N, C-alpha and C. Protein backbone atom coordinates (compact mmCIF):
# COMPACT_ATOMS: atom_id res chain seq x y z
N MET A 1 28.10 20.49 -55.11
CA MET A 1 27.93 21.74 -54.45
C MET A 1 29.43 22.62 -55.08
N ILE A 2 28.86 23.92 -55.12
CA ILE A 2 29.69 24.97 -55.29
C ILE A 2 29.79 26.51 -54.69
N SER A 3 30.88 26.87 -54.72
CA SER A 3 30.77 28.06 -53.33
C SER A 3 30.19 29.31 -53.81
N LEU A 4 29.70 29.97 -53.18
CA LEU A 4 29.33 31.22 -53.50
C LEU A 4 30.28 32.24 -54.12
N ASP A 5 31.19 32.23 -53.49
CA ASP A 5 31.91 32.91 -54.68
C ASP A 5 32.89 32.51 -55.89
N LYS A 6 32.68 31.05 -56.21
CA LYS A 6 32.73 30.94 -57.53
C LYS A 6 31.45 30.83 -58.49
N PHE A 7 30.33 31.03 -57.94
CA PHE A 7 28.84 31.54 -58.36
C PHE A 7 28.82 32.87 -58.78
N LEU A 8 29.14 33.74 -57.99
CA LEU A 8 29.32 35.37 -58.66
C LEU A 8 30.02 35.27 -59.57
N GLU A 9 31.15 34.70 -59.20
CA GLU A 9 32.07 35.03 -60.46
C GLU A 9 31.75 34.77 -61.90
N LYS A 10 31.02 34.10 -61.99
CA LYS A 10 30.14 34.07 -63.45
C LYS A 10 29.03 34.88 -63.69
N HIS A 11 28.70 35.78 -62.67
CA HIS A 11 27.81 36.62 -62.94
C HIS A 11 27.96 38.05 -63.14
N SER A 12 27.35 39.20 -63.86
CA SER A 12 27.66 40.39 -63.71
C SER A 12 26.46 41.37 -62.96
N ILE A 13 26.74 41.77 -61.77
CA ILE A 13 25.65 42.48 -60.86
C ILE A 13 25.82 44.33 -60.89
N CYS A 14 25.17 44.65 -60.94
CA CYS A 14 25.36 46.53 -60.62
C CYS A 14 24.27 47.10 -59.70
N ILE A 15 24.47 48.14 -58.93
CA ILE A 15 23.33 48.40 -58.15
C ILE A 15 22.97 49.96 -59.02
N TYR A 16 21.87 50.28 -58.44
CA TYR A 16 21.12 51.66 -58.53
C TYR A 16 21.58 52.23 -58.01
N ARG A 17 21.01 53.64 -57.80
CA ARG A 17 21.20 54.86 -56.73
C ARG A 17 21.47 54.04 -55.29
N PHE A 18 21.91 54.62 -54.62
CA PHE A 18 22.17 54.00 -52.63
C PHE A 18 22.27 55.13 -51.94
N GLU A 19 22.04 54.73 -50.63
CA GLU A 19 22.29 55.46 -49.71
C GLU A 19 23.81 54.89 -49.23
N GLY A 20 24.21 55.90 -48.55
CA GLY A 20 25.85 55.35 -48.12
C GLY A 20 25.56 54.48 -47.37
N ARG A 21 24.70 54.45 -46.73
CA ARG A 21 24.94 53.05 -45.09
C ARG A 21 24.48 51.74 -45.95
N VAL A 22 23.53 51.87 -47.22
CA VAL A 22 23.38 50.29 -48.00
C VAL A 22 24.32 49.97 -48.50
N TYR A 23 25.34 50.96 -48.88
CA TYR A 23 26.18 50.41 -49.90
C TYR A 23 27.50 50.17 -48.91
N HIS A 24 27.66 50.32 -47.67
CA HIS A 24 28.47 49.96 -46.94
C HIS A 24 28.29 48.46 -46.38
N LYS A 25 26.84 48.42 -46.25
CA LYS A 25 26.45 47.17 -45.84
C LYS A 25 27.03 46.05 -47.20
N LEU A 26 26.16 46.60 -48.01
CA LEU A 26 26.62 45.63 -49.39
C LEU A 26 28.18 45.39 -49.72
N ALA A 27 29.03 46.04 -49.43
CA ALA A 27 30.25 46.00 -49.48
C ALA A 27 30.86 45.39 -48.73
N THR A 28 30.46 45.35 -47.38
CA THR A 28 30.90 44.50 -46.32
C THR A 28 30.38 43.20 -46.76
N LEU A 29 29.71 42.57 -47.30
CA LEU A 29 28.67 41.60 -47.41
C LEU A 29 29.60 40.76 -48.64
N PHE A 30 29.91 41.65 -49.34
CA PHE A 30 30.76 40.90 -50.90
C PHE A 30 32.19 40.82 -50.55
N LYS A 31 32.57 41.46 -49.56
CA LYS A 31 33.99 41.54 -49.45
C LYS A 31 34.09 40.49 -48.58
N ALA A 32 33.19 40.10 -47.60
CA ALA A 32 33.42 38.83 -47.01
C ALA A 32 33.42 37.65 -47.35
N LYS A 33 32.88 37.63 -48.81
CA LYS A 33 32.66 36.13 -49.50
C LYS A 33 34.21 36.45 -50.77
N GLY A 34 34.70 37.60 -50.42
CA GLY A 34 36.02 37.62 -51.43
C GLY A 34 35.53 38.38 -52.62
N ARG A 35 34.31 38.51 -52.77
CA ARG A 35 34.16 39.52 -53.90
C ARG A 35 34.21 41.23 -53.79
N ILE A 36 34.50 41.65 -54.67
CA ILE A 36 33.96 43.17 -55.12
C ILE A 36 33.00 43.46 -54.87
N PRO A 37 32.60 44.90 -54.28
CA PRO A 37 31.32 44.88 -54.53
C PRO A 37 30.79 45.61 -55.62
N PRO A 38 29.23 45.40 -56.16
CA PRO A 38 28.77 45.54 -57.43
C PRO A 38 29.29 47.26 -57.73
N PRO A 39 29.45 47.32 -58.78
CA PRO A 39 29.57 48.86 -59.64
C PRO A 39 28.21 49.29 -59.63
N LEU A 40 27.97 50.35 -59.80
CA LEU A 40 27.05 51.11 -60.42
C LEU A 40 26.53 50.87 -61.44
N CYS A 41 24.84 50.81 -61.86
CA CYS A 41 24.76 50.27 -63.31
C CYS A 41 25.11 51.89 -64.32
N THR A 42 25.36 51.31 -65.40
CA THR A 42 25.60 52.18 -66.12
C THR A 42 24.21 52.11 -67.57
N PRO A 43 24.03 53.25 -68.14
CA PRO A 43 23.14 53.04 -69.50
C PRO A 43 23.31 51.70 -70.29
N LYS A 44 24.70 51.93 -70.58
CA LYS A 44 25.35 50.70 -71.75
C LYS A 44 25.86 49.30 -71.22
N GLY A 45 25.74 49.36 -69.87
CA GLY A 45 26.15 47.93 -69.41
C GLY A 45 25.52 47.13 -69.25
N VAL A 46 25.56 45.95 -69.63
CA VAL A 46 25.19 44.43 -69.73
C VAL A 46 25.37 43.60 -68.31
N TYR A 47 23.96 43.33 -67.76
CA TYR A 47 24.45 42.65 -66.39
C TYR A 47 22.82 42.02 -66.17
N ASP A 48 23.31 40.95 -65.66
CA ASP A 48 22.78 39.35 -65.10
C ASP A 48 21.72 39.86 -63.65
N LEU A 49 21.77 41.01 -63.21
CA LEU A 49 20.54 41.43 -62.30
C LEU A 49 21.37 43.10 -62.02
N LYS A 50 20.10 43.62 -61.70
CA LYS A 50 20.54 44.89 -61.18
C LYS A 50 19.75 44.95 -59.85
N LEU A 51 20.21 45.70 -58.91
CA LEU A 51 20.14 45.86 -57.51
C LEU A 51 19.44 47.43 -57.27
N LEU A 52 18.45 47.08 -56.70
CA LEU A 52 17.58 48.26 -56.16
C LEU A 52 16.88 48.12 -54.73
N PHE A 53 17.30 49.07 -54.07
CA PHE A 53 17.20 49.54 -52.30
C PHE A 53 16.39 50.69 -52.10
N PRO A 54 14.90 50.88 -52.50
CA PRO A 54 14.31 51.93 -52.09
C PRO A 54 13.69 52.18 -51.18
N SER A 55 13.88 53.64 -50.29
CA SER A 55 13.29 53.31 -49.12
C SER A 55 11.91 53.84 -49.23
N ASN A 56 11.40 53.76 -49.84
CA ASN A 56 9.81 53.74 -50.34
C ASN A 56 9.08 52.57 -50.17
N PHE A 57 10.11 51.16 -50.19
CA PHE A 57 9.53 50.19 -50.67
C PHE A 57 10.00 48.91 -49.38
N SER A 58 8.77 47.96 -49.46
CA SER A 58 9.01 46.83 -48.36
C SER A 58 8.64 45.79 -48.65
N GLY A 59 9.64 44.73 -48.51
CA GLY A 59 9.61 43.56 -48.79
C GLY A 59 10.67 43.44 -49.94
N VAL A 60 10.59 42.07 -51.10
CA VAL A 60 11.29 41.64 -52.19
C VAL A 60 10.54 41.33 -53.11
N LYS A 61 11.19 41.67 -53.90
CA LYS A 61 10.39 41.53 -55.37
C LYS A 61 11.24 41.25 -56.73
N VAL A 62 10.91 40.85 -57.70
CA VAL A 62 12.32 40.47 -59.00
C VAL A 62 10.86 40.80 -59.78
N ILE A 63 11.87 41.41 -60.97
CA ILE A 63 10.63 41.93 -62.06
C ILE A 63 12.11 42.05 -63.17
N GLU A 64 11.95 41.24 -63.80
CA GLU A 64 12.84 40.46 -65.18
C GLU A 64 14.22 40.45 -64.26
N ASN A 65 15.03 41.60 -64.75
CA ASN A 65 16.26 40.90 -64.01
C ASN A 65 16.97 42.22 -62.85
N GLU A 66 15.67 42.73 -62.42
CA GLU A 66 15.79 43.65 -61.12
C GLU A 66 15.63 42.92 -60.05
N LEU A 67 16.32 42.88 -59.12
CA LEU A 67 16.11 42.51 -57.77
C LEU A 67 15.77 43.42 -56.75
N ILE A 68 14.76 44.19 -56.31
CA ILE A 68 14.21 45.16 -55.37
C ILE A 68 13.90 44.87 -54.45
N ILE A 69 14.71 45.18 -53.05
CA ILE A 69 14.49 44.88 -51.66
C ILE A 69 14.56 46.30 -51.13
N GLY A 70 13.79 46.22 -50.08
CA GLY A 70 13.28 47.49 -49.36
C GLY A 70 14.74 47.94 -48.36
N GLU A 71 14.86 49.11 -48.62
CA GLU A 71 16.18 49.54 -47.78
C GLU A 71 16.07 49.05 -46.04
N LYS A 72 14.92 49.24 -45.31
CA LYS A 72 14.45 48.63 -44.21
C LYS A 72 15.23 47.25 -43.78
N ASP A 73 14.38 46.49 -45.13
CA ASP A 73 14.78 45.15 -44.74
C ASP A 73 15.83 44.81 -45.14
N PHE A 74 16.77 45.56 -45.89
CA PHE A 74 18.11 45.13 -46.53
C PHE A 74 18.93 45.24 -45.23
N MET A 75 18.61 46.31 -44.20
CA MET A 75 19.81 46.88 -43.34
C MET A 75 19.66 45.48 -42.50
N GLU A 76 18.08 45.06 -42.07
CA GLU A 76 17.57 44.33 -40.85
C GLU A 76 18.22 42.68 -41.49
N MET A 77 18.71 42.43 -42.76
CA MET A 77 18.68 41.68 -42.93
C MET A 77 19.87 40.31 -42.63
N LYS A 78 20.06 39.00 -42.54
CA LYS A 78 21.15 38.74 -41.99
C LYS A 78 21.96 37.93 -43.61
N GLU A 79 22.90 37.36 -43.35
CA GLU A 79 23.96 37.23 -44.64
C GLU A 79 23.45 36.26 -45.35
N GLU A 80 22.83 35.04 -44.76
CA GLU A 80 22.47 34.29 -45.46
C GLU A 80 21.20 34.37 -46.18
N VAL A 81 20.27 35.04 -45.40
CA VAL A 81 19.30 35.45 -46.35
C VAL A 81 19.44 36.50 -47.32
N PHE A 82 20.40 37.32 -47.50
CA PHE A 82 20.21 38.52 -48.65
C PHE A 82 20.70 37.72 -49.91
N PHE A 83 22.31 36.68 -49.77
CA PHE A 83 22.72 35.90 -50.46
C PHE A 83 21.71 34.95 -51.14
N SER A 84 21.01 34.12 -50.33
CA SER A 84 19.80 33.21 -50.81
C SER A 84 19.12 33.62 -51.86
N ILE A 85 18.16 35.08 -51.43
CA ILE A 85 17.66 36.05 -52.24
C ILE A 85 18.31 36.32 -53.69
N LEU A 86 19.63 36.94 -53.55
CA LEU A 86 20.58 37.05 -54.30
C LEU A 86 20.85 36.15 -55.77
N VAL A 87 21.04 34.93 -54.70
CA VAL A 87 21.30 33.54 -55.87
C VAL A 87 20.04 33.18 -56.40
N SER A 88 19.16 32.92 -55.78
CA SER A 88 17.89 32.82 -55.91
C SER A 88 17.45 33.70 -57.18
N ALA A 89 17.41 34.96 -56.96
CA ALA A 89 16.98 36.01 -58.49
C ALA A 89 17.91 35.25 -59.91
N LEU A 90 18.98 34.92 -59.61
CA LEU A 90 20.00 34.78 -60.55
C LEU A 90 19.80 33.74 -61.24
N ILE A 91 19.41 32.57 -60.63
CA ILE A 91 19.17 31.23 -61.03
C ILE A 91 17.43 30.99 -61.71
N GLU A 92 16.80 31.93 -60.78
CA GLU A 92 15.24 32.00 -61.24
C GLU A 92 15.09 31.87 -63.02
N PHE A 93 15.85 32.83 -63.45
CA PHE A 93 15.67 32.85 -65.04
C PHE A 93 15.74 31.82 -65.91
N LYS A 94 16.01 30.44 -65.20
CA LYS A 94 16.55 29.36 -65.83
C LYS A 94 15.96 28.53 -64.97
N ARG A 95 15.47 28.20 -63.81
CA ARG A 95 14.53 27.62 -63.10
C ARG A 95 14.29 27.94 -61.63
N LYS A 96 13.20 27.46 -60.89
CA LYS A 96 13.16 27.66 -59.59
C LYS A 96 13.85 27.11 -58.62
N PRO A 97 14.65 27.53 -57.98
CA PRO A 97 15.44 26.47 -56.88
C PRO A 97 15.06 26.08 -55.94
N VAL A 98 15.43 25.14 -55.37
CA VAL A 98 14.78 24.50 -54.15
C VAL A 98 16.03 24.95 -52.95
N ILE A 99 15.63 25.35 -51.83
CA ILE A 99 16.63 25.89 -50.86
C ILE A 99 16.47 24.63 -49.93
N THR A 100 17.89 24.38 -49.69
CA THR A 100 18.23 23.00 -48.51
C THR A 100 18.66 23.48 -47.91
N ILE A 101 18.18 23.58 -46.33
CA ILE A 101 18.95 23.66 -44.91
C ILE A 101 19.42 22.15 -44.36
N GLY A 102 20.82 22.43 -44.21
CA GLY A 102 21.50 21.02 -43.43
C GLY A 102 21.69 21.39 -41.91
N ILE A 103 21.29 20.69 -41.22
CA ILE A 103 21.46 21.35 -39.54
C ILE A 103 22.01 19.50 -39.00
N ASP A 104 23.21 19.71 -38.66
CA ASP A 104 23.59 18.94 -37.39
C ASP A 104 23.64 19.07 -36.13
N PRO A 105 22.63 18.50 -35.42
CA PRO A 105 22.52 18.79 -34.23
C PRO A 105 23.52 18.87 -32.97
N GLY A 106 22.85 19.29 -32.06
CA GLY A 106 24.15 18.77 -30.71
C GLY A 106 24.14 19.70 -29.78
N LYS A 107 25.32 19.70 -29.00
CA LYS A 107 25.51 20.81 -27.99
C LYS A 107 25.94 21.97 -29.30
N ASN A 108 26.71 21.44 -30.12
CA ASN A 108 27.10 22.97 -31.10
C ASN A 108 26.36 22.18 -32.26
N ILE A 109 25.66 23.07 -32.66
CA ILE A 109 24.94 23.28 -34.09
C ILE A 109 25.43 23.88 -35.26
N GLY A 110 25.56 22.83 -36.22
CA GLY A 110 26.07 23.40 -37.09
C GLY A 110 24.92 23.48 -38.52
N TYR A 111 25.44 24.15 -39.38
CA TYR A 111 24.36 24.56 -40.36
C TYR A 111 24.55 24.85 -41.94
N VAL A 112 24.14 24.55 -42.87
CA VAL A 112 24.37 24.81 -43.95
C VAL A 112 23.24 25.30 -44.86
N VAL A 113 23.01 26.11 -45.93
CA VAL A 113 22.13 27.15 -46.38
C VAL A 113 22.66 26.94 -48.33
N LEU A 114 22.01 26.04 -48.71
CA LEU A 114 22.05 25.42 -50.19
C LEU A 114 21.20 26.40 -51.18
N VAL A 115 21.49 27.08 -51.88
CA VAL A 115 20.42 27.54 -52.78
C VAL A 115 20.42 26.55 -53.96
N ALA A 116 20.00 25.55 -54.39
CA ALA A 116 19.81 25.07 -55.60
C ALA A 116 21.26 23.99 -55.10
N ASP A 117 22.65 24.30 -55.89
CA ASP A 117 23.92 23.45 -55.38
C ASP A 117 24.81 24.74 -55.11
N VAL A 118 24.41 25.64 -54.63
CA VAL A 118 25.53 27.04 -54.40
C VAL A 118 24.91 27.06 -52.61
N ILE A 119 26.36 26.65 -52.16
CA ILE A 119 26.73 27.54 -50.41
C ILE A 119 26.43 28.90 -50.46
N VAL A 120 25.54 29.45 -49.76
CA VAL A 120 25.49 30.89 -49.72
C VAL A 120 25.87 31.23 -48.48
N GLY A 121 25.76 29.86 -47.24
CA GLY A 121 26.14 30.56 -45.97
C GLY A 121 26.14 28.99 -44.88
N GLY A 122 26.81 29.17 -43.80
CA GLY A 122 26.44 28.47 -42.90
C GLY A 122 27.90 28.32 -41.73
N GLY A 123 27.54 27.64 -41.01
CA GLY A 123 28.81 27.00 -39.91
C GLY A 123 28.09 26.99 -38.64
N ARG A 124 28.65 27.92 -37.34
CA ARG A 124 28.09 27.01 -36.26
C ARG A 124 27.19 27.72 -35.92
N ALA A 125 25.91 27.85 -35.42
CA ALA A 125 24.66 28.52 -34.68
C ALA A 125 25.20 28.73 -33.45
N GLN A 126 24.82 29.59 -33.03
CA GLN A 126 25.14 30.10 -31.63
C GLN A 126 23.75 29.63 -30.66
N GLY A 127 23.18 28.39 -30.80
CA GLY A 127 22.05 28.07 -30.22
C GLY A 127 20.80 28.05 -31.36
N ALA A 128 20.07 27.26 -30.92
CA ALA A 128 18.76 26.73 -31.91
C ALA A 128 18.03 27.72 -31.99
N ASN A 129 17.53 28.63 -31.02
CA ASN A 129 16.61 29.76 -31.27
C ASN A 129 17.54 30.77 -32.32
N ILE A 130 18.58 30.93 -32.16
CA ILE A 130 19.47 31.47 -33.27
C ILE A 130 18.85 31.26 -34.80
N LEU A 131 19.22 29.93 -34.74
CA LEU A 131 18.96 29.01 -35.90
C LEU A 131 17.70 29.43 -36.43
N ILE A 132 16.73 28.99 -35.51
CA ILE A 132 15.33 29.33 -35.80
C ILE A 132 14.79 30.97 -36.37
N GLU A 133 15.08 31.58 -35.76
CA GLU A 133 15.24 33.26 -36.33
C GLU A 133 15.72 33.13 -37.47
N LEU A 134 16.65 32.59 -38.03
CA LEU A 134 17.36 32.59 -39.40
C LEU A 134 16.42 32.13 -40.36
N LEU A 135 15.79 30.84 -39.93
CA LEU A 135 15.21 30.24 -40.83
C LEU A 135 13.63 30.77 -40.97
N GLU A 136 13.21 31.43 -39.58
CA GLU A 136 11.63 32.38 -39.79
C GLU A 136 12.14 33.60 -41.13
N SER A 137 13.31 34.02 -40.40
CA SER A 137 13.70 35.40 -42.00
C SER A 137 13.64 34.65 -43.28
N MET A 138 14.34 33.51 -43.38
CA MET A 138 14.25 33.19 -44.56
C MET A 138 13.06 32.62 -45.17
N LEU A 139 12.27 32.21 -44.86
CA LEU A 139 10.73 31.73 -44.99
C LEU A 139 9.63 33.15 -45.19
N LYS A 140 10.16 34.47 -44.54
CA LYS A 140 9.50 35.70 -45.03
C LYS A 140 9.62 35.91 -46.09
N TYR A 141 11.15 35.84 -46.30
CA TYR A 141 11.60 36.91 -47.53
C TYR A 141 11.69 35.93 -48.75
N LEU A 142 11.94 35.00 -48.86
CA LEU A 142 11.95 33.82 -50.14
C LEU A 142 10.47 33.48 -50.55
N SER A 143 9.99 34.03 -51.33
CA SER A 143 8.92 33.23 -51.73
C SER A 143 8.31 33.56 -53.51
N PRO A 144 8.01 32.66 -53.82
CA PRO A 144 7.40 31.13 -53.36
C PRO A 144 8.25 30.25 -53.29
N GLN A 145 9.55 30.16 -52.54
CA GLN A 145 10.50 29.06 -52.91
C GLN A 145 9.96 27.64 -51.89
N SER A 146 10.67 26.59 -52.45
CA SER A 146 10.58 25.33 -52.09
C SER A 146 11.77 25.02 -50.93
N PHE A 147 11.17 24.94 -49.77
CA PHE A 147 12.40 24.76 -48.90
C PHE A 147 12.63 23.22 -48.38
N ILE A 148 13.63 22.75 -47.77
CA ILE A 148 13.66 21.11 -47.74
C ILE A 148 14.99 21.31 -46.50
N ILE A 149 14.24 21.24 -45.24
CA ILE A 149 15.16 20.98 -44.00
C ILE A 149 15.71 19.63 -43.33
N LYS A 150 16.51 19.28 -43.53
CA LYS A 150 17.27 18.23 -43.39
C LYS A 150 18.05 18.49 -41.92
N ILE A 151 17.48 17.56 -40.98
CA ILE A 151 18.25 17.28 -39.87
C ILE A 151 18.71 16.14 -39.46
N GLY A 152 19.89 16.06 -38.78
CA GLY A 152 20.59 14.65 -37.91
C GLY A 152 19.62 13.90 -37.25
N SER A 153 19.90 12.65 -37.20
CA SER A 153 18.96 11.79 -36.37
C SER A 153 19.50 11.93 -35.02
N LYS A 154 20.30 12.68 -34.21
CA LYS A 154 20.61 12.88 -33.30
C LYS A 154 19.82 13.99 -32.27
N THR A 155 18.93 14.41 -33.35
CA THR A 155 17.66 15.92 -32.85
C THR A 155 17.20 15.35 -31.72
N THR A 156 16.86 16.66 -31.04
CA THR A 156 15.67 16.42 -30.17
C THR A 156 14.10 16.63 -30.39
N LEU A 157 13.59 16.10 -29.64
CA LEU A 157 12.26 16.43 -30.18
C LEU A 157 11.36 17.87 -29.62
N GLY A 158 12.49 18.31 -28.75
CA GLY A 158 12.35 19.78 -28.79
C GLY A 158 12.42 20.48 -29.86
N PHE A 159 13.37 20.54 -30.87
CA PHE A 159 13.82 21.26 -31.61
C PHE A 159 13.14 20.97 -32.98
N LEU A 160 12.39 19.52 -32.98
CA LEU A 160 11.56 19.04 -34.09
C LEU A 160 10.05 19.64 -34.09
N PHE A 161 9.96 20.03 -32.62
CA PHE A 161 8.70 20.69 -31.98
C PHE A 161 8.65 22.04 -33.12
N GLN A 162 10.14 22.69 -32.69
CA GLN A 162 10.16 24.15 -33.28
C GLN A 162 9.97 24.08 -34.66
N LEU A 163 10.76 23.57 -35.71
CA LEU A 163 10.75 23.24 -36.65
C LEU A 163 9.25 23.05 -37.32
N PHE A 164 8.67 22.09 -36.71
CA PHE A 164 6.87 22.03 -37.20
C PHE A 164 6.24 23.08 -37.17
N SER A 165 6.15 24.10 -35.93
CA SER A 165 6.06 25.20 -35.58
C SER A 165 6.17 26.20 -36.26
N LEU A 166 7.66 26.63 -36.72
CA LEU A 166 7.86 27.26 -38.05
C LEU A 166 7.06 27.13 -39.43
N ARG A 167 7.11 26.08 -39.99
CA ARG A 167 6.36 25.41 -41.25
C ARG A 167 4.86 25.65 -40.83
N LYS A 168 4.31 25.73 -39.47
CA LYS A 168 2.73 25.82 -39.24
C LYS A 168 2.70 27.41 -39.35
N ASN A 169 3.72 28.32 -39.15
CA ASN A 169 3.43 29.62 -39.19
C ASN A 169 3.56 30.44 -40.68
N HIS A 170 4.07 29.36 -41.48
CA HIS A 170 3.70 29.51 -42.93
C HIS A 170 3.47 28.56 -43.73
N PRO A 171 1.68 28.87 -44.03
CA PRO A 171 1.48 27.79 -44.72
C PRO A 171 1.42 27.53 -46.18
N SER A 172 2.04 28.98 -46.62
CA SER A 172 2.00 29.43 -48.11
C SER A 172 2.94 28.86 -48.30
N LYS A 173 3.83 28.58 -47.73
CA LYS A 173 5.27 27.92 -48.31
C LYS A 173 4.98 26.24 -48.12
N LYS A 174 5.98 25.86 -49.29
CA LYS A 174 6.22 24.59 -49.25
C LYS A 174 7.24 24.29 -48.42
N VAL A 175 7.47 23.79 -47.87
CA VAL A 175 8.39 23.37 -46.31
C VAL A 175 8.28 21.66 -46.28
N VAL A 176 9.39 20.92 -46.24
CA VAL A 176 9.66 20.13 -46.21
C VAL A 176 10.40 19.38 -44.90
N ILE A 177 10.10 18.71 -44.12
CA ILE A 177 11.38 18.25 -43.08
C ILE A 177 11.45 17.06 -43.03
N LYS A 178 13.21 16.54 -42.99
CA LYS A 178 13.40 15.38 -43.48
C LYS A 178 14.43 14.89 -42.06
N ILE A 179 14.51 13.65 -41.36
CA ILE A 179 15.65 13.07 -40.70
C ILE A 179 16.58 12.65 -41.28
N VAL A 180 17.48 12.57 -41.15
CA VAL A 180 18.75 11.93 -41.86
C VAL A 180 19.55 11.22 -40.58
N ASP A 181 19.56 9.93 -41.21
CA ASP A 181 19.99 9.05 -40.17
C ASP A 181 21.90 9.33 -40.19
N GLU A 182 22.70 9.95 -39.47
CA GLU A 182 23.96 10.42 -39.14
C GLU A 182 25.12 9.34 -39.13
N GLY A 183 24.53 7.93 -38.98
CA GLY A 183 25.46 6.74 -39.52
C GLY A 183 25.85 6.88 -40.47
N GLU A 184 24.97 7.37 -41.52
CA GLU A 184 25.23 6.97 -42.88
C GLU A 184 25.38 8.56 -43.51
N SER A 185 25.23 9.50 -43.21
CA SER A 185 26.10 10.99 -43.62
C SER A 185 27.05 11.23 -43.22
N VAL A 186 28.20 10.34 -42.18
CA VAL A 186 29.11 10.62 -42.09
C VAL A 186 30.01 10.11 -43.19
N PHE A 187 29.76 9.25 -43.87
CA PHE A 187 30.44 8.80 -44.72
C PHE A 187 31.11 9.61 -45.89
N LYS A 188 30.41 10.81 -45.95
CA LYS A 188 30.55 11.48 -46.93
C LYS A 188 31.39 12.67 -46.17
N LEU A 189 31.89 12.66 -45.14
CA LEU A 189 32.52 14.03 -44.22
C LEU A 189 34.16 13.75 -45.14
N GLY A 190 34.64 12.46 -45.31
CA GLY A 190 35.87 12.72 -46.29
C GLY A 190 36.25 13.39 -47.44
N PHE A 191 35.29 12.86 -47.94
CA PHE A 191 35.56 13.72 -49.47
C PHE A 191 34.85 15.06 -49.11
N LEU A 192 33.75 15.79 -48.18
CA LEU A 192 33.55 17.13 -48.13
C LEU A 192 34.89 17.94 -47.20
N LYS A 193 35.83 17.45 -46.90
CA LYS A 193 36.79 17.84 -46.00
C LYS A 193 37.72 18.51 -47.12
N ASP A 194 37.94 17.11 -48.44
CA ASP A 194 38.86 17.68 -49.22
C ASP A 194 38.23 18.75 -50.42
N PHE A 195 36.74 18.29 -50.40
CA PHE A 195 36.26 19.53 -51.55
C PHE A 195 35.97 20.74 -51.21
N LEU A 196 35.57 20.71 -49.69
CA LEU A 196 35.46 22.15 -49.35
C LEU A 196 36.70 23.35 -48.85
N LYS A 197 37.41 22.34 -48.10
CA LYS A 197 38.76 22.84 -47.90
C LYS A 197 39.10 23.14 -46.43
N THR A 198 38.09 22.80 -45.96
CA THR A 198 37.73 23.18 -44.23
C THR A 198 37.76 22.00 -43.47
N ARG A 199 38.02 22.25 -42.15
CA ARG A 199 38.26 21.26 -41.15
C ARG A 199 37.05 21.60 -40.24
N GLU A 200 36.18 22.36 -40.16
CA GLU A 200 35.39 22.86 -39.35
C GLU A 200 34.41 22.15 -39.12
N LYS A 201 34.44 20.75 -38.32
CA LYS A 201 33.44 19.92 -37.97
C LYS A 201 32.00 19.75 -37.73
N ASP A 202 31.48 21.22 -37.35
CA ASP A 202 29.73 21.05 -37.30
C ASP A 202 29.31 21.34 -38.62
N PHE A 203 30.37 22.26 -39.94
CA PHE A 203 29.91 22.90 -41.07
C PHE A 203 29.38 21.68 -41.51
N LEU A 204 31.03 20.98 -41.85
CA LEU A 204 31.06 19.13 -42.16
C LEU A 204 29.98 18.56 -42.24
N ALA A 205 29.73 18.15 -41.18
CA ALA A 205 28.43 17.38 -40.74
C ALA A 205 27.54 17.76 -41.35
N ALA A 206 27.02 19.67 -41.27
CA ALA A 206 25.91 19.68 -41.88
C ALA A 206 25.43 19.86 -43.59
N CYS A 207 26.90 19.97 -43.91
CA CYS A 207 26.82 19.91 -45.49
C CYS A 207 26.79 18.02 -45.80
N ALA A 208 27.41 17.19 -45.33
CA ALA A 208 26.85 15.64 -45.34
C ALA A 208 25.66 15.31 -44.99
N ILE A 209 25.06 15.98 -44.32
CA ILE A 209 23.29 15.64 -43.92
C ILE A 209 22.58 16.52 -45.33
N ALA A 210 23.09 17.87 -45.52
CA ALA A 210 22.04 18.21 -46.50
C ALA A 210 22.48 17.33 -48.24
N LEU A 211 22.99 16.54 -48.35
CA LEU A 211 23.60 15.98 -49.42
C LEU A 211 23.16 14.37 -49.07
N SER A 212 22.44 14.24 -47.92
CA SER A 212 21.73 12.98 -47.75
C SER A 212 20.15 13.26 -48.17
N ASP A 213 19.81 11.89 -48.26
CA ASP A 213 18.38 11.79 -48.74
C ASP A 213 17.68 11.92 -47.51
N GLY A 214 17.71 11.13 -46.89
CA GLY A 214 16.74 11.48 -45.56
C GLY A 214 15.26 11.06 -45.45
N GLU A 215 14.18 10.86 -44.63
CA GLU A 215 13.15 10.47 -44.45
C GLU A 215 12.24 11.52 -44.52
N GLU A 216 11.27 11.72 -44.95
CA GLU A 216 10.54 13.23 -44.38
C GLU A 216 9.47 12.72 -43.08
N ILE A 217 9.29 13.58 -42.35
CA ILE A 217 8.72 13.43 -41.43
C ILE A 217 7.45 14.17 -40.97
N GLU A 218 6.01 13.85 -40.63
CA GLU A 218 5.51 14.91 -40.34
C GLU A 218 5.02 14.87 -38.78
N ALA A 219 4.35 16.17 -38.41
CA ALA A 219 4.04 16.16 -37.02
C ALA A 219 2.97 15.30 -36.67
N ALA A 220 3.11 14.81 -35.31
CA ALA A 220 1.59 13.78 -35.34
C ALA A 220 0.60 14.45 -35.00
N GLY A 221 -0.90 13.77 -35.32
CA GLY A 221 -1.78 14.85 -35.12
C GLY A 221 -2.31 15.96 -36.48
């Protein structure tokens, strides 16, 4: 696992012309991750990725080293979705990254989003429906990525049903759902606590689940 901050440190990113509100949001996102916002692209600059946010475009597209996101889409995007797209675009030149979502079920739902081995987001979800909305948005914008959703064994049938419904709504995407034995994943918590320098237990439990193998499951019928 590698932090988003450390990953971005190794890459040069710039932004083309933009509206003020677009840059304000972009700056807020990067500063929240401890990074300086991307500078304006210059003719002589050498960049790993160039960001464009045209107002007359809808959706997400990567063309060579340009990441194009419709302005309206960007303004509506959640933090984890944007950084998943950004990291995927940077990794895509070498390999097609797999996106793994680890979920620690329970009264307080912990989650983590990994693009390859980069932690792009996570924490405590404000309820199952909020987390499903996040996953829905990721499936909408990240294409044609492979998704692996790993959820702890103490989950409910209701939550599993929501995940299967989510997958059914996106038949063109490869979405694998796995159940992870929480009795085994718990042994990774000590290492993760020291490695990630956090004691946020719901997030750590989700990370442990994301790093565990799990058993793939299918909906009955």
